[in-house]
């Protein structure tokens, strides 16, 4: 959360993606672009 300056809810989403091996996320939330392992599709 602190490393990528995410809100608590965004951090939970990012950790859930990591847990399930998800590396592509569809969202308009630009905060997820700060996470190198996630590819963000708007």
N, C-alpha and C. Protein backbone atom coordinates (compact mmCIF):
# COMPACT_ATOMS: atom_id res chain seq x y z
N UNK A 1 0.84 -1.18 0.00
CA UNK A 1 0.00 0.00 0.00
C UNK A 1 0.88 1.25 0.00
N UNK A 2 1.85 1.30 0.88
CA UNK A 2 2.72 2.47 0.95
C UNK A 2 3.67 2.55 -0.24
N UNK A 3 4.20 1.41 -0.65
CA UNK A 3 5.19 1.38 -1.73
C UNK A 3 4.63 1.96 -3.03
N UNK A 4 3.38 1.62 -3.36
CA UNK A 4 2.78 2.07 -4.61
C UNK A 4 1.74 3.16 -4.41
N UNK A 5 1.64 3.67 -3.18
CA UNK A 5 0.70 4.76 -2.83
C UNK A 5 -0.74 4.40 -3.25
N UNK A 6 -1.20 3.24 -2.77
CA UNK A 6 -2.56 2.78 -3.07
C UNK A 6 -3.48 3.00 -1.88
N UNK A 7 -4.76 3.13 -2.19
CA UNK A 7 -5.75 3.16 -1.12
C UNK A 7 -5.88 1.74 -0.57
N UNK A 8 -6.43 1.57 0.62
CA UNK A 8 -6.58 0.22 1.16
C UNK A 8 -7.38 -0.71 0.25
N UNK A 9 -8.45 -0.21 -0.33
CA UNK A 9 -9.26 -1.08 -1.20
C UNK A 9 -8.50 -1.46 -2.47
N UNK A 10 -7.73 -0.54 -3.05
CA UNK A 10 -6.92 -0.87 -4.23
C UNK A 10 -5.82 -1.87 -3.88
N UNK A 11 -5.25 -1.74 -2.69
CA UNK A 11 -4.21 -2.67 -2.25
C UNK A 11 -4.77 -4.08 -2.12
N UNK A 12 -5.98 -4.20 -1.61
CA UNK A 12 -6.61 -5.52 -1.49
C UNK A 12 -6.84 -6.12 -2.87
N UNK A 13 -7.27 -5.31 -3.82
CA UNK A 13 -7.48 -5.79 -5.18
C UNK A 13 -6.15 -6.26 -5.79
N UNK A 14 -5.09 -5.47 -5.60
CA UNK A 14 -3.78 -5.82 -6.14
C UNK A 14 -3.26 -7.12 -5.52
N UNK A 15 -3.43 -7.27 -4.22
CA UNK A 15 -2.98 -8.50 -3.56
C UNK A 15 -3.80 -9.71 -3.99
N UNK A 16 -5.08 -9.51 -4.21
CA UNK A 16 -5.93 -10.60 -4.70
C UNK A 16 -5.49 -11.03 -6.09
N UNK A 17 -5.17 -10.06 -6.94
CA UNK A 17 -4.66 -10.39 -8.28
C UNK A 17 -3.37 -11.19 -8.17
N UNK A 18 -2.47 -10.77 -7.30
CA UNK A 18 -1.21 -11.49 -7.14
C UNK A 18 -1.45 -12.91 -6.63
N UNK A 19 -2.35 -13.05 -5.68
CA UNK A 19 -2.64 -14.36 -5.10
C UNK A 19 -3.15 -15.34 -6.16
N UNK A 20 -4.02 -14.86 -7.05
CA UNK A 20 -4.61 -15.73 -8.07
C UNK A 20 -3.85 -15.73 -9.40
N UNK A 21 -2.72 -15.06 -9.45
CA UNK A 21 -1.90 -15.06 -10.66
C UNK A 21 -2.47 -14.22 -11.79
N UNK A 22 -3.25 -13.23 -11.45
CA UNK A 22 -3.84 -12.34 -12.45
C UNK A 22 -2.84 -11.22 -12.73
N UNK A 23 -2.49 -11.02 -14.01
CA UNK A 23 -1.55 -9.96 -14.31
C UNK A 23 -2.10 -8.92 -15.28
N UNK A 24 -3.36 -9.05 -15.65
CA UNK A 24 -4.04 -8.05 -16.48
C UNK A 24 -5.32 -7.64 -15.76
N UNK A 25 -5.55 -6.33 -15.66
CA UNK A 25 -6.74 -5.83 -14.98
C UNK A 25 -7.41 -4.77 -15.87
N UNK A 26 -8.71 -4.81 -15.93
CA UNK A 26 -9.47 -3.83 -16.70
C UNK A 26 -10.08 -2.83 -15.72
N UNK A 27 -9.62 -1.58 -15.81
CA UNK A 27 -10.10 -0.55 -14.89
C UNK A 27 -9.78 0.83 -15.44
N UNK A 28 -10.52 1.83 -15.00
CA UNK A 28 -10.22 3.22 -15.32
C UNK A 28 -9.42 3.88 -14.19
N UNK A 29 -9.14 3.13 -13.14
CA UNK A 29 -8.37 3.64 -11.99
C UNK A 29 -6.89 3.63 -12.35
N UNK A 30 -6.30 4.80 -12.54
CA UNK A 30 -4.92 4.91 -12.98
C UNK A 30 -3.91 4.55 -11.89
N UNK A 31 -4.35 4.42 -10.66
CA UNK A 31 -3.44 4.06 -9.56
C UNK A 31 -2.81 2.69 -9.78
N UNK A 32 -3.50 1.79 -10.45
CA UNK A 32 -2.97 0.45 -10.68
C UNK A 32 -1.80 0.44 -11.65
N UNK A 33 -1.61 1.52 -12.41
CA UNK A 33 -0.48 1.60 -13.34
C UNK A 33 0.85 1.70 -12.59
N UNK A 34 0.81 2.03 -11.33
CA UNK A 34 2.03 2.12 -10.52
C UNK A 34 2.58 0.74 -10.16
N UNK A 35 1.80 -0.30 -10.35
CA UNK A 35 2.22 -1.65 -9.99
C UNK A 35 2.81 -2.31 -11.23
N UNK A 36 4.13 -2.54 -11.25
CA UNK A 36 4.78 -3.03 -12.46
C UNK A 36 4.26 -4.38 -12.96
N UNK A 37 3.82 -5.25 -12.10
CA UNK A 37 3.43 -6.60 -12.54
C UNK A 37 2.01 -6.63 -13.10
N UNK A 38 1.25 -5.55 -12.97
CA UNK A 38 -0.11 -5.51 -13.50
C UNK A 38 -0.16 -4.72 -14.81
N UNK A 39 -0.76 -5.31 -15.82
CA UNK A 39 -1.02 -4.59 -17.06
C UNK A 39 -2.44 -4.06 -16.96
N UNK A 40 -2.59 -2.74 -17.13
CA UNK A 40 -3.90 -2.09 -16.98
C UNK A 40 -4.48 -1.82 -18.36
N UNK A 41 -5.69 -2.30 -18.55
CA UNK A 41 -6.42 -2.05 -19.80
C UNK A 41 -7.62 -1.15 -19.44
N UNK A 42 -7.65 0.06 -20.04
CA UNK A 42 -8.77 0.97 -19.71
C UNK A 42 -10.04 0.60 -20.45
